[in-house]
């Protein structure tokens, strides 16, 4: 296919060059966003438990409700390649004064795969804060609740 495998990072919270790679991949994904209606490009890069990175961008549609967010695009790409265990996600937008945060739907989709992973929320200048998914969606409902 001519495609190179995604760069990998060691286990644990991404550090140094590996964190910079995750952040850069989210920025690169943002540049691919298809958002002619909102003009609000978003990119996401998802780090799997075994060190692969899957990126995604928002993809809008003239039928607005059929659009999909960057975070869900990245997750769906990873799942379609057999990955269901995630360590971190970086999210990027062009918002200058505020850190980008995932919408509620994306938080719930992320929650499907656990609460104990890191979400890097960035500003346009590259500064970021890190939140655990559990902080972004407290008192959440997940797969284990279906077994109670």
Protein backbone atom coordinates (compact mmCIF):
# COMPACT_ATOMS: atom_id res chain seq x y z
CA UNK A 1 0.00 0.00 0.00
CA UNK A 2 3.03 2.29 0.31
CA UNK A 3 1.89 3.64 3.68
CA UNK A 4 4.40 3.73 6.50
CA UNK A 5 3.35 2.48 9.93
CA UNK A 6 2.46 5.17 12.45
CA UNK A 7 5.35 6.30 14.68
CA UNK A 8 5.33 4.64 18.06
CA UNK A 9 5.88 5.77 21.65
CA UNK A 10 6.76 3.80 24.79
CA UNK A 11 4.12 2.87 27.40
CA UNK A 12 2.98 5.34 30.07
CA UNK A 13 2.25 9.05 29.76
CA UNK A 14 3.94 10.38 26.60
CA UNK A 15 7.08 12.39 27.36
CA UNK A 16 9.43 14.69 25.46
CA UNK A 17 9.71 13.81 21.78
CA UNK A 18 6.82 11.35 21.97
CA UNK A 19 4.50 13.99 23.45
CA UNK A 20 5.65 16.51 20.82
CA UNK A 21 4.89 13.91 18.13
CA UNK A 22 1.38 13.37 19.50
CA UNK A 23 0.75 17.12 19.59
CA UNK A 24 2.20 17.58 16.09
CA UNK A 25 0.08 14.79 14.66
CA UNK A 26 -3.06 16.50 16.05
CA UNK A 27 -2.00 19.77 14.39
CA UNK A 28 -1.38 17.99 11.08
CA UNK A 29 -4.81 16.37 11.31
CA UNK A 30 -6.41 19.77 11.96
CA UNK A 31 -5.01 20.94 8.62
CA UNK A 32 -7.05 18.20 6.90
CA UNK A 33 -10.36 19.20 8.52
CA UNK A 34 -13.35 19.50 6.20
CA UNK A 35 -15.38 22.27 7.84
CA UNK A 36 -16.89 24.57 5.19
CA UNK A 37 -19.94 25.35 7.37
CA UNK A 38 -18.46 26.07 10.79
CA UNK A 39 -14.96 27.10 9.65
CA UNK A 40 -13.84 25.55 12.95
CA UNK A 41 -11.09 23.01 12.16
CA UNK A 42 -10.21 20.47 14.84
CA UNK A 43 -7.54 17.77 14.85
CA UNK A 44 -7.00 14.87 17.22
CA UNK A 45 -4.23 12.34 17.68
CA UNK A 46 -4.88 9.17 19.67
CA UNK A 47 -2.09 7.17 21.31
CA UNK A 48 -2.85 3.47 21.68
CA UNK A 49 -1.61 1.28 24.52
CA UNK A 50 0.98 -0.29 22.22
CA UNK A 51 2.34 3.06 21.05
CA UNK A 52 0.64 3.65 17.69
CA UNK A 53 -0.85 7.04 16.85
CA UNK A 54 -4.11 7.46 14.92
CA UNK A 55 -5.12 10.95 13.88
CA UNK A 56 -8.49 12.37 12.93
CA UNK A 57 -10.13 15.62 11.89
CA UNK A 58 -13.67 16.91 11.93
CA UNK A 59 -15.64 16.14 8.78
CA UNK A 60 -18.78 18.20 8.22
CA UNK A 61 -21.68 17.52 5.89
CA UNK A 62 -24.36 19.67 4.24
CA UNK A 63 -26.80 17.59 6.31
CA UNK A 64 -25.28 19.00 9.51
CA UNK A 65 -26.16 16.11 11.79
CA UNK A 66 -24.06 13.71 9.70
CA UNK A 67 -20.81 15.46 10.54
CA UNK A 68 -18.28 13.78 12.81
CA UNK A 69 -15.80 15.24 15.29
CA UNK A 70 -12.01 14.83 15.12
CA UNK A 71 -11.90 12.80 18.33
CA UNK A 72 -14.42 10.24 17.10
CA UNK A 73 -12.71 10.04 13.71
CA UNK A 74 -9.41 9.14 15.40
CA UNK A 75 -11.10 6.58 17.67
CA UNK A 76 -12.97 4.96 14.78
CA UNK A 77 -9.77 4.73 12.74
CA UNK A 78 -7.96 3.05 15.64
CA UNK A 79 -10.82 0.62 16.28
CA UNK A 80 -11.05 -0.26 12.59
CA UNK A 81 -7.37 -1.26 12.78
CA UNK A 82 -7.93 -3.47 15.84
CA UNK A 83 -7.01 -1.12 18.72
CA UNK A 84 -9.28 -0.68 21.74
CA UNK A 85 -6.85 0.31 24.50
CA UNK A 86 -5.80 3.96 24.61
CA UNK A 87 -3.30 5.98 26.67
CA UNK A 88 -3.72 9.58 25.51
CA UNK A 89 -5.29 11.93 23.02
CA UNK A 90 -4.19 15.40 21.94
CA UNK A 91 -6.82 17.79 20.57
CA UNK A 92 -5.99 20.91 18.55
CA UNK A 93 -7.98 23.82 17.13
CA UNK A 94 -7.44 27.44 16.15
CA UNK A 95 -8.95 28.79 19.38
CA UNK A 96 -6.54 31.44 20.60
CA UNK A 97 -7.67 32.30 24.12
CA UNK A 98 -9.15 29.01 25.30
CA UNK A 99 -8.13 25.37 25.47
CA UNK A 100 -10.15 23.19 23.08
CA UNK A 101 -12.34 20.64 24.86
CA UNK A 102 -14.21 17.63 23.45
CA UNK A 103 -17.99 17.82 23.07
CA UNK A 104 -20.21 15.67 25.25
CA UNK A 105 -20.76 13.05 22.55
CA UNK A 106 -17.01 12.61 22.11
CA UNK A 107 -16.48 12.35 25.86
CA UNK A 108 -18.99 9.50 25.99
CA UNK A 109 -17.38 7.71 23.02
CA UNK A 110 -13.97 8.13 24.68
CA UNK A 111 -15.44 6.80 27.94
CA UNK A 112 -16.38 3.55 26.21
CA UNK A 113 -12.66 2.69 26.41
CA UNK A 114 -12.04 3.58 30.05
CA UNK A 115 -11.65 6.66 32.21
CA UNK A 116 -7.97 6.39 33.12
CA UNK A 117 -6.26 8.04 30.17
CA UNK A 118 -4.90 11.50 29.41
CA UNK A 119 -6.45 14.17 27.22
CA UNK A 120 -4.14 17.00 26.09
CA UNK A 121 -6.22 20.13 25.51
CA UNK A 122 -4.33 22.73 23.47
CA UNK A 123 -4.53 26.37 22.44
CA UNK A 124 -3.58 27.59 18.96
CA UNK A 125 -0.11 28.58 20.22
CA UNK A 126 0.63 24.98 21.23
CA UNK A 127 0.31 25.43 24.99
CA UNK A 128 -1.68 22.67 26.65
CA UNK A 129 -3.20 21.33 29.82
CA UNK A 130 -3.69 17.64 30.62
CA UNK A 131 -6.89 16.18 32.04
CA UNK A 132 -7.78 12.60 32.85
CA UNK A 133 -10.87 11.50 30.95
CA UNK A 134 -12.50 10.88 34.32
CA UNK A 135 -12.17 14.63 35.04
CA UNK A 136 -13.86 15.52 31.75
CA UNK A 137 -16.77 13.10 32.29
CA UNK A 138 -17.32 12.50 36.00
CA UNK A 139 -19.94 10.04 37.24
CA UNK A 140 -19.97 8.44 33.82
CA UNK A 141 -21.84 5.46 32.40
CA UNK A 142 -19.75 2.76 30.71
CA UNK A 143 -19.79 -0.85 29.51
CA UNK A 144 -19.34 -2.26 33.01
CA UNK A 145 -22.61 -0.60 34.09
CA UNK A 146 -24.54 -2.85 31.69
CA UNK A 147 -23.46 -5.87 33.79
CA UNK A 148 -24.88 -4.57 37.09
